[in-house]
Amino acid sequence: MSTLVVYDTMLFFQAASQPHRIHATMKALTDGRLILCVSPELIGEVTDVLTRPEYRVKFPALTPTNVAAFLNDLQSRAQVFDPVPRVFTWPEHPDDDHVFNLSIHARARYLVTWETRILRLHTAPSDAAELLKRLAPDLSIVTPKVLADLLKTTGRDEGREGR
C-alpha cells in the first residue's frame, strides 16, 4: 500500500500555475508511490485560490479550462475523505484546521507544506502541538523538498509503508 499524504493549498497552486515544472512529490502521486488525501473543504479552498482573478492575470496557465482539468485530475487520483471530523483546532491559525483534521482522519504519514508556521507546529511547545502529537503520532510535517529527498533515499520502500 502506498504512503498517504496531505498537501496544503500552495502545493496545488504551484502545480497548476506552473505545469511545466513537475515537482518530484507531484510525480510520486502519478506513479502511485504516494496517495493524496483530500476533503471537500480542501478541494474548495484549492478551487477558490486557483480561480482568483488576480492570480489568473499573473499566471497564464490558470485558464478556466486548465484549472478544471487540473481539479478533475486531482480528484480522480486522490482518496476523498468526507466527512472529516473536527477533532483538532489550532487557536492561532484556525483557517488551517481542515488540513490537520484531514491528516488526522486519513492517518496520513506526511502533511506537506511550505508554510513555516505549520512546519514549526509539530515541534512547538504548545497545547496544540501536544494534542496533534497525540491525535496523529505518526504524522510528519515536511516540506516538498524533504519529502522528495525521502522518496529518493527510500525508493519504492517508502511507498510501501501505508496503513
Protein backbone atom coordinates (compact mmCIF):
# COMPACT_ATOMS: atom_id res chain seq x y z
CA MET A 1 0.00 0.00 0.00
CA SER A 2 1.24 3.50 -0.82
CA THR A 3 2.04 6.24 1.64
CA LEU A 4 -0.81 8.62 2.45
CA VAL A 5 -0.09 12.36 2.19
CA VAL A 6 -1.96 15.62 2.62
CA TYR A 7 -0.76 18.62 0.62
CA ASP A 8 -1.58 22.17 1.56
CA THR A 9 -3.11 24.55 -0.95
CA MET A 10 0.16 26.18 -2.01
CA LEU A 11 1.45 22.93 -3.49
CA PHE A 12 -1.64 22.65 -5.67
CA PHE A 13 -1.26 26.29 -6.67
CA GLN A 14 2.34 25.73 -7.72
CA ALA A 15 1.48 22.63 -9.73
CA ALA A 16 -1.45 24.27 -11.52
CA SER A 17 0.19 27.64 -12.15
CA GLN A 18 3.50 26.18 -13.34
CA PRO A 19 2.57 22.92 -15.09
CA HIS A 20 5.93 22.83 -16.90
CA ARG A 21 7.68 22.35 -13.52
CA ILE A 22 6.65 18.98 -12.15
CA HIS A 23 7.98 18.56 -8.62
CA ALA A 24 9.10 15.08 -7.54
CA THR A 25 6.33 14.90 -4.94
CA MET A 26 3.66 15.52 -7.59
CA LYS A 27 5.28 12.91 -9.84
CA ALA A 28 5.13 10.44 -6.93
CA LEU A 29 1.36 10.89 -6.92
CA THR A 30 1.08 10.00 -10.59
CA ASP A 31 3.33 6.96 -10.32
CA GLY A 32 1.50 5.62 -7.27
CA ARG A 33 4.20 5.95 -4.64
CA LEU A 34 2.04 8.41 -2.74
CA ILE A 35 -1.72 8.59 -2.27
CA LEU A 36 -3.12 12.07 -1.94
CA CYS A 37 -5.80 12.57 0.71
CA VAL A 38 -8.32 15.35 0.11
CA SER A 39 -11.56 16.58 1.61
CA PRO A 40 -14.34 18.70 0.12
CA GLU A 41 -13.07 21.60 2.24
CA LEU A 42 -9.53 21.30 0.84
CA ILE A 43 -10.82 20.99 -2.73
CA GLY A 44 -12.98 24.07 -2.13
CA GLU A 45 -10.01 26.06 -0.87
CA VAL A 46 -7.85 24.97 -3.83
CA THR A 47 -10.64 25.85 -6.26
CA ASP A 48 -11.05 29.28 -4.65
CA VAL A 49 -7.34 30.05 -4.91
CA LEU A 50 -6.95 28.78 -8.47
CA THR A 51 -9.89 30.85 -9.73
CA ARG A 52 -8.96 34.19 -8.16
CA PRO A 53 -8.83 36.86 -10.88
CA GLU A 54 -5.58 38.38 -9.59
CA TYR A 55 -3.80 35.02 -9.93
CA ARG A 56 -5.20 34.41 -13.40
CA VAL A 57 -3.63 37.69 -14.51
CA LYS A 58 -0.21 36.76 -13.10
CA PHE A 59 -0.26 33.08 -14.09
CA PRO A 60 -1.46 32.48 -17.67
CA ALA A 61 -1.70 28.71 -17.09
CA LEU A 62 -4.67 29.27 -14.75
CA THR A 63 -7.25 29.38 -17.53
CA PRO A 64 -10.73 28.08 -16.69
CA THR A 65 -10.10 25.05 -18.92
CA ASN A 66 -6.72 24.26 -17.36
CA VAL A 67 -7.99 24.72 -13.81
CA ALA A 68 -10.98 22.46 -14.47
CA ALA A 69 -8.70 19.77 -15.97
CA PHE A 70 -6.28 20.10 -13.06
CA LEU A 71 -9.06 19.78 -10.47
CA ASN A 72 -10.60 16.79 -12.28
CA ASP A 73 -7.22 15.04 -12.46
CA LEU A 74 -6.54 15.84 -8.82
CA GLN A 75 -9.84 14.41 -7.66
CA SER A 76 -9.50 11.31 -9.84
CA ARG A 77 -6.13 10.49 -8.28
CA ALA A 78 -6.98 11.35 -4.69
CA GLN A 79 -8.67 9.48 -1.91
CA VAL A 80 -11.56 11.65 -0.73
CA PHE A 81 -12.41 11.74 2.96
CA ASP A 82 -15.89 13.02 3.69
CA PRO A 83 -16.88 13.82 6.32
CA VAL A 84 -13.74 14.81 8.20
CA PRO A 85 -14.36 15.02 11.95
CA ARG A 86 -13.18 18.22 13.62
CA VAL A 87 -11.05 16.86 16.46
CA PHE A 88 -8.23 19.41 16.34
CA THR A 89 -8.08 23.17 16.33
CA TRP A 90 -5.10 25.47 16.28
CA PRO A 91 -6.28 28.63 18.03
CA GLU A 92 -3.54 30.77 16.46
CA HIS A 93 -4.47 29.72 12.89
CA PRO A 94 -7.92 28.11 12.75
CA ASP A 95 -8.01 28.51 8.95
CA ASP A 96 -5.52 25.63 8.77
CA ASP A 97 -7.58 23.27 10.95
CA HIS A 98 -9.05 21.47 7.95
CA VAL A 99 -5.66 20.18 6.75
CA PHE A 100 -4.76 18.98 10.24
CA ASN A 101 -8.12 17.28 10.71
CA LEU A 102 -7.79 15.66 7.28
CA SER A 103 -4.29 14.44 8.15
CA ILE A 104 -5.53 13.01 11.44
CA HIS A 105 -8.63 11.37 10.00
CA ALA A 106 -6.82 9.91 6.97
CA ARG A 107 -3.96 8.73 9.16
CA ALA A 108 -1.61 10.40 6.69
CA ARG A 109 2.10 9.82 7.08
CA TYR A 110 3.01 13.29 5.80
CA LEU A 111 1.49 16.75 5.79
CA VAL A 112 3.42 18.56 3.07
CA THR A 113 3.70 22.34 3.13
CA TRP A 114 5.96 25.32 2.56
CA GLU A 115 4.22 27.23 5.39
CA THR A 116 6.79 27.90 8.11
CA ARG A 117 4.17 28.28 10.82
CA ILE A 118 2.74 24.83 10.01
CA LEU A 119 6.21 23.27 9.82
CA ARG A 120 7.04 24.65 13.27
CA LEU A 121 3.83 23.50 14.94
CA HIS A 122 4.85 19.88 15.35
CA THR A 123 7.91 20.85 17.41
CA ALA A 124 6.43 23.85 19.19
CA PRO A 125 5.97 23.70 22.96
CA SER A 126 2.23 24.31 22.94
CA ASP A 127 -1.00 22.62 23.87
CA ALA A 128 -1.96 22.43 20.18
CA ALA A 129 1.33 20.73 19.29
CA GLU A 130 0.88 18.19 22.08
CA LEU A 131 -2.68 17.46 21.03
CA LEU A 132 -1.60 16.98 17.41
CA LYS A 133 1.11 14.55 18.51
CA ARG A 134 -1.45 12.55 20.50
CA LEU A 135 -4.00 12.50 17.70
CA ALA A 136 -1.50 11.77 14.91
CA PRO A 137 1.63 10.24 16.43
CA ASP A 138 2.93 9.01 13.05
CA LEU A 139 2.36 12.27 11.19
CA SER A 140 5.42 14.16 9.96
CA ILE A 141 5.06 17.73 8.74
CA VAL A 142 7.59 18.26 5.97
CA THR A 143 8.44 20.49 3.03
CA PRO A 144 8.12 19.17 -0.51
CA LYS A 145 11.92 19.12 -0.68
CA VAL A 146 12.20 16.91 2.41
CA LEU A 147 9.57 14.54 1.05
CA ALA A 148 11.32 14.42 -2.34
CA ASP A 149 14.59 13.57 -0.57
CA LEU A 150 12.85 10.84 1.43
CA LEU A 151 11.40 9.41 -1.75
CA LYS A 152 14.86 9.36 -3.34
CA THR A 153 16.60 7.70 -0.40
CA THR A 154 13.94 5.13 0.34
CA GLY A 155 12.86 4.42 -3.21
CA ARG A 156 9.90 2.13 -3.53
CA ASP A 157 10.14 1.07 0.13
CA GLU A 158 8.76 4.46 1.23
CA GLY A 159 5.69 3.83 -0.84
CA ARG A 160 5.04 0.57 0.96
CA GLU A 161 4.56 1.91 4.46
CA GLY A 162 0.91 2.87 4.14
CA ARG A 163 -1.69 1.92 6.70
